[in-house]
Amino acid sequence: MGISASIVMIALGAILEFALPGSVLGVNLGVIGTILMVVGAIGLVVPLVVWGPWGRGARSTRHPARDAWARAVGRGVHTAVMTTGEH
């Protein structure tokens, strides 16, 4: 369920809970509204919890091989590699 569907469920649940009085055919609209609001809230929170760590701040653009090379270059190892290679 997407975020927009969750918001729609919360809105419909609030309408059933607070705006419409009584029951229809023996079904209490307030209970249905509360259920819709709870399901909508769960549908809104679960994707944020599951996919939240994969958001902007948690993703790394680092590459271990490139980082190792950068550390080696910083220590001057690149000159040894270049001078000891085959000519």
Protein backbone atom coordinates (compact mmCIF):
# COMPACT_ATOMS: atom_id res chain seq x y z
CA MET A 1 0.00 0.00 0.00
CA GLY A 2 1.40 3.37 -0.95
CA ILE A 3 1.50 6.53 1.09
CA SER A 4 -1.35 8.08 -0.88
CA ALA A 5 -3.59 5.04 -0.31
CA SER A 6 -2.81 5.20 3.40
CA ILE A 7 -3.76 8.86 3.56
CA VAL A 8 -7.02 8.14 1.70
CA MET A 9 -7.84 5.34 4.15
CA ILE A 10 -7.16 7.62 7.12
CA ALA A 11 -9.35 10.34 5.61
CA LEU A 12 -12.21 7.94 4.86
CA GLY A 13 -11.92 6.45 8.32
CA ALA A 14 -12.08 9.91 9.90
CA ILE A 15 -15.16 10.75 7.85
CA LEU A 16 -16.88 7.54 8.93
CA GLU A 17 -15.82 7.99 12.55
CA PHE A 18 -16.57 11.66 13.10
CA ALA A 19 -18.88 12.94 10.35
CA LEU A 20 -21.45 10.20 9.89
CA PRO A 21 -23.61 9.30 12.87
CA GLY A 22 -25.10 5.91 13.68
CA SER A 23 -24.98 2.64 11.84
CA VAL A 24 -26.07 1.18 8.52
CA LEU A 25 -27.71 -2.26 8.44
CA GLY A 26 -26.47 -2.94 11.96
CA VAL A 27 -22.85 -2.03 11.17
CA ASN A 28 -21.44 0.71 13.37
CA LEU A 29 -19.78 3.28 11.07
CA GLY A 30 -17.58 4.52 13.90
CA VAL A 31 -15.98 1.09 14.28
CA ILE A 32 -15.39 0.82 10.53
CA GLY A 33 -13.90 4.32 10.56
CA THR A 34 -11.56 3.45 13.42
CA ILE A 35 -10.44 0.27 11.64
CA LEU A 36 -9.75 2.23 8.44
CA MET A 37 -7.75 4.85 10.33
CA VAL A 38 -5.65 2.21 12.11
CA VAL A 39 -4.97 0.28 8.90
CA GLY A 40 -4.11 3.52 7.11
CA ALA A 41 -1.72 4.53 9.89
CA ILE A 42 -0.03 1.13 9.78
CA GLY A 43 0.20 1.38 6.00
CA LEU A 44 1.80 4.80 6.39
CA VAL A 45 4.31 3.84 9.09
CA VAL A 46 5.47 0.42 7.87
CA PRO A 47 7.01 1.58 4.56
CA LEU A 48 8.73 4.45 6.34
CA VAL A 49 10.26 2.06 8.88
CA VAL A 50 11.20 -0.57 6.30
CA TRP A 51 12.49 1.72 3.57
CA GLY A 52 13.62 4.61 5.77
CA PRO A 53 17.16 3.27 6.28
CA TRP A 54 17.51 3.06 2.50
CA GLY A 55 16.85 6.79 2.16
CA ARG A 56 19.18 9.62 1.25
CA GLY A 57 21.39 9.68 4.31
CA ALA A 58 22.01 5.95 4.70
CA ARG A 59 23.15 5.14 1.19
CA SER A 60 26.83 5.17 0.62
CA THR A 61 28.50 6.11 -2.62
CA ARG A 62 31.82 4.78 -1.43
CA HIS A 63 33.61 2.03 -3.32
CA PRO A 64 36.02 -0.15 -1.31
CA ALA A 65 38.47 -0.70 -4.18
CA ARG A 66 38.59 3.00 -5.02
CA ASP A 67 38.97 3.90 -1.35
CA ALA A 68 41.83 1.42 -0.93
CA TRP A 69 43.56 2.94 -3.97
CA ALA A 70 43.06 6.45 -2.56
CA ARG A 71 44.61 5.39 0.75
CA ALA A 72 47.53 3.78 -1.08
CA VAL A 73 48.08 6.91 -3.17
CA GLY A 74 48.01 9.01 -0.01
CA ARG A 75 50.84 6.91 1.47
CA GLY A 76 53.00 7.14 -1.62
CA VAL A 77 52.51 3.49 -2.60
CA HIS A 78 51.58 4.48 -6.14
CA THR A 79 55.16 5.49 -6.87
CA ALA A 80 56.44 2.06 -5.81
CA VAL A 81 53.82 0.34 -7.94
CA MET A 82 54.66 2.51 -10.94
CA THR A 83 58.43 2.11 -10.64
CA THR A 84 58.43 -1.64 -10.02
CA GLY A 85 56.12 -2.49 -12.91
CA GLU A 86 57.34 -4.10 -16.10
CA HIS A 87 58.90 -1.73 -18.62
